[in-house]
């Protein structure tokens, strides 16, 4: 999808501070971080939101979470704690219509979140 910001990042057409990449997943540092560590983990394939996932996408969902865990360890936030968030649609704060996980850590997280 050529007009999707995250598709352009996944395709290498738009620069980003990439932290991880494989055939299924791209992860990059958020340009407006909400924590000392704030990485976005996206599928390479365009999926607009969590609502579009199908049962056949279970391997993709596992890979997204596995990439987040790997990055939490590599970025030194796994032991102290981290948060993984998926915002879905406007009222939840999804500003880019491409499924993405927010990996957040490096500071205490409050509850409730928002």
Protein backbone atom coordinates (compact mmCIF):
# COMPACT_ATOMS: atom_id res chain seq x y z
CA UNK A 1 0.00 0.00 0.00
CA UNK A 2 1.92 3.02 -1.26
CA UNK A 3 0.09 5.67 0.77
CA UNK A 4 0.65 3.88 4.11
CA UNK A 5 3.47 5.41 6.15
CA UNK A 6 4.37 2.11 7.83
CA UNK A 7 4.26 0.16 4.55
CA UNK A 8 6.79 2.64 3.16
CA UNK A 9 9.03 2.09 6.20
CA UNK A 10 8.65 -1.70 5.94
CA UNK A 11 9.48 -1.54 2.23
CA UNK A 12 12.60 0.56 2.85
CA UNK A 13 11.21 3.54 0.94
CA UNK A 14 11.14 5.76 4.02
CA UNK A 15 13.97 6.06 6.54
CA UNK A 16 13.49 4.91 10.11
CA UNK A 17 15.74 3.95 13.02
CA UNK A 18 15.22 0.21 12.53
CA UNK A 19 15.86 -1.95 15.58
CA UNK A 20 14.84 -5.31 14.05
CA UNK A 21 13.83 -6.69 10.68
CA UNK A 22 12.95 -10.10 9.28
CA UNK A 23 10.67 -11.35 6.50
CA UNK A 24 7.53 -10.86 8.62
CA UNK A 25 8.26 -7.98 11.00
CA UNK A 26 9.97 -4.59 11.12
CA UNK A 27 10.59 -2.75 14.39
CA UNK A 28 11.77 0.83 14.65
CA UNK A 29 12.16 3.52 17.28
CA UNK A 30 9.17 5.86 17.60
CA UNK A 31 9.89 9.44 16.48
CA UNK A 32 7.75 10.73 19.38
CA UNK A 33 8.74 8.40 22.25
CA UNK A 34 6.47 8.16 25.27
CA UNK A 35 9.09 6.30 27.34
CA UNK A 36 12.89 6.00 27.30
CA UNK A 37 12.39 2.89 25.14
CA UNK A 38 9.54 3.19 22.63
CA UNK A 39 9.72 0.87 19.65
CA UNK A 40 6.97 0.20 17.12
CA UNK A 41 6.72 -3.41 15.92
CA UNK A 42 4.81 -3.80 12.66
CA UNK A 43 3.98 -6.56 10.22
CA UNK A 44 5.61 -6.15 6.80
CA UNK A 45 2.25 -7.00 5.23
CA UNK A 46 -0.34 -4.25 5.45
CA UNK A 47 -3.03 -4.96 8.03
CA UNK A 48 -5.02 -1.89 9.02
CA UNK A 49 -5.78 -2.88 12.61
CA UNK A 50 -6.16 -5.69 15.08
CA UNK A 51 -9.73 -6.04 13.82
CA UNK A 52 -8.47 -7.33 10.46
CA UNK A 53 -6.44 -10.24 11.85
CA UNK A 54 -7.68 -13.68 10.83
CA UNK A 55 -7.11 -17.09 12.39
CA UNK A 56 -4.58 -17.72 9.64
CA UNK A 57 -2.53 -14.80 11.02
CA UNK A 58 -1.71 -16.54 14.30
CA UNK A 59 1.93 -17.12 13.24
CA UNK A 60 2.25 -13.43 12.37
CA UNK A 61 0.85 -12.37 15.74
CA UNK A 62 3.32 -14.71 17.47
CA UNK A 63 6.20 -13.22 15.44
CA UNK A 64 5.19 -9.67 16.37
CA UNK A 65 5.21 -10.56 20.06
CA UNK A 66 8.42 -12.58 19.76
CA UNK A 67 10.12 -9.57 18.16
CA UNK A 68 8.90 -7.35 21.02
CA UNK A 69 10.28 -9.77 23.63
CA UNK A 70 13.59 -10.06 21.78
CA UNK A 71 13.90 -6.27 21.64
CA UNK A 72 12.94 -5.90 25.31
CA UNK A 73 15.87 -8.16 26.16
CA UNK A 74 18.28 -6.48 23.71
CA UNK A 75 17.32 -2.97 24.86
CA UNK A 76 17.72 -3.84 28.54
CA UNK A 77 14.13 -3.43 29.72
CA UNK A 78 13.04 -7.06 30.08
CA UNK A 79 14.08 -7.60 33.69
CA UNK A 80 12.66 -4.36 35.11
CA UNK A 81 9.49 -4.60 33.07
CA UNK A 82 7.94 -3.37 29.87
CA UNK A 83 4.56 -2.84 28.30
CA UNK A 84 3.23 -3.96 24.90
CA UNK A 85 0.23 -1.99 23.65
CA UNK A 86 -1.92 -2.33 20.55
CA UNK A 87 -4.19 0.66 19.95
CA UNK A 88 -7.15 -0.05 17.70
CA UNK A 89 -8.93 2.78 15.89
CA UNK A 90 -9.10 6.49 16.63
CA UNK A 91 -10.52 6.61 20.18
CA UNK A 92 -7.87 4.17 21.37
CA UNK A 93 -5.12 6.35 19.89
CA UNK A 94 -4.27 4.51 16.67
CA UNK A 95 -2.92 7.32 14.49
CA UNK A 96 -1.48 5.21 11.65
CA UNK A 97 -3.88 2.69 10.05
CA UNK A 98 -1.36 -0.16 10.02
CA UNK A 99 -1.32 -2.72 12.83
CA UNK A 100 1.53 -1.98 15.24
CA UNK A 101 2.65 -2.88 18.72
CA UNK A 102 4.16 -0.27 21.00
CA UNK A 103 7.02 -1.67 23.09
CA UNK A 104 7.45 0.72 26.02
CA UNK A 105 9.89 0.59 28.91
CA UNK A 106 12.70 2.21 30.82
CA UNK A 107 10.45 3.92 33.37
CA UNK A 108 7.65 2.92 35.77
CA UNK A 109 4.30 2.57 34.00
CA UNK A 110 1.12 3.82 35.66
CA UNK A 111 -2.27 2.15 35.71
CA UNK A 112 -4.77 2.77 34.39
CA UNK A 113 -2.89 3.74 31.23
CA UNK A 114 -4.60 6.63 29.45
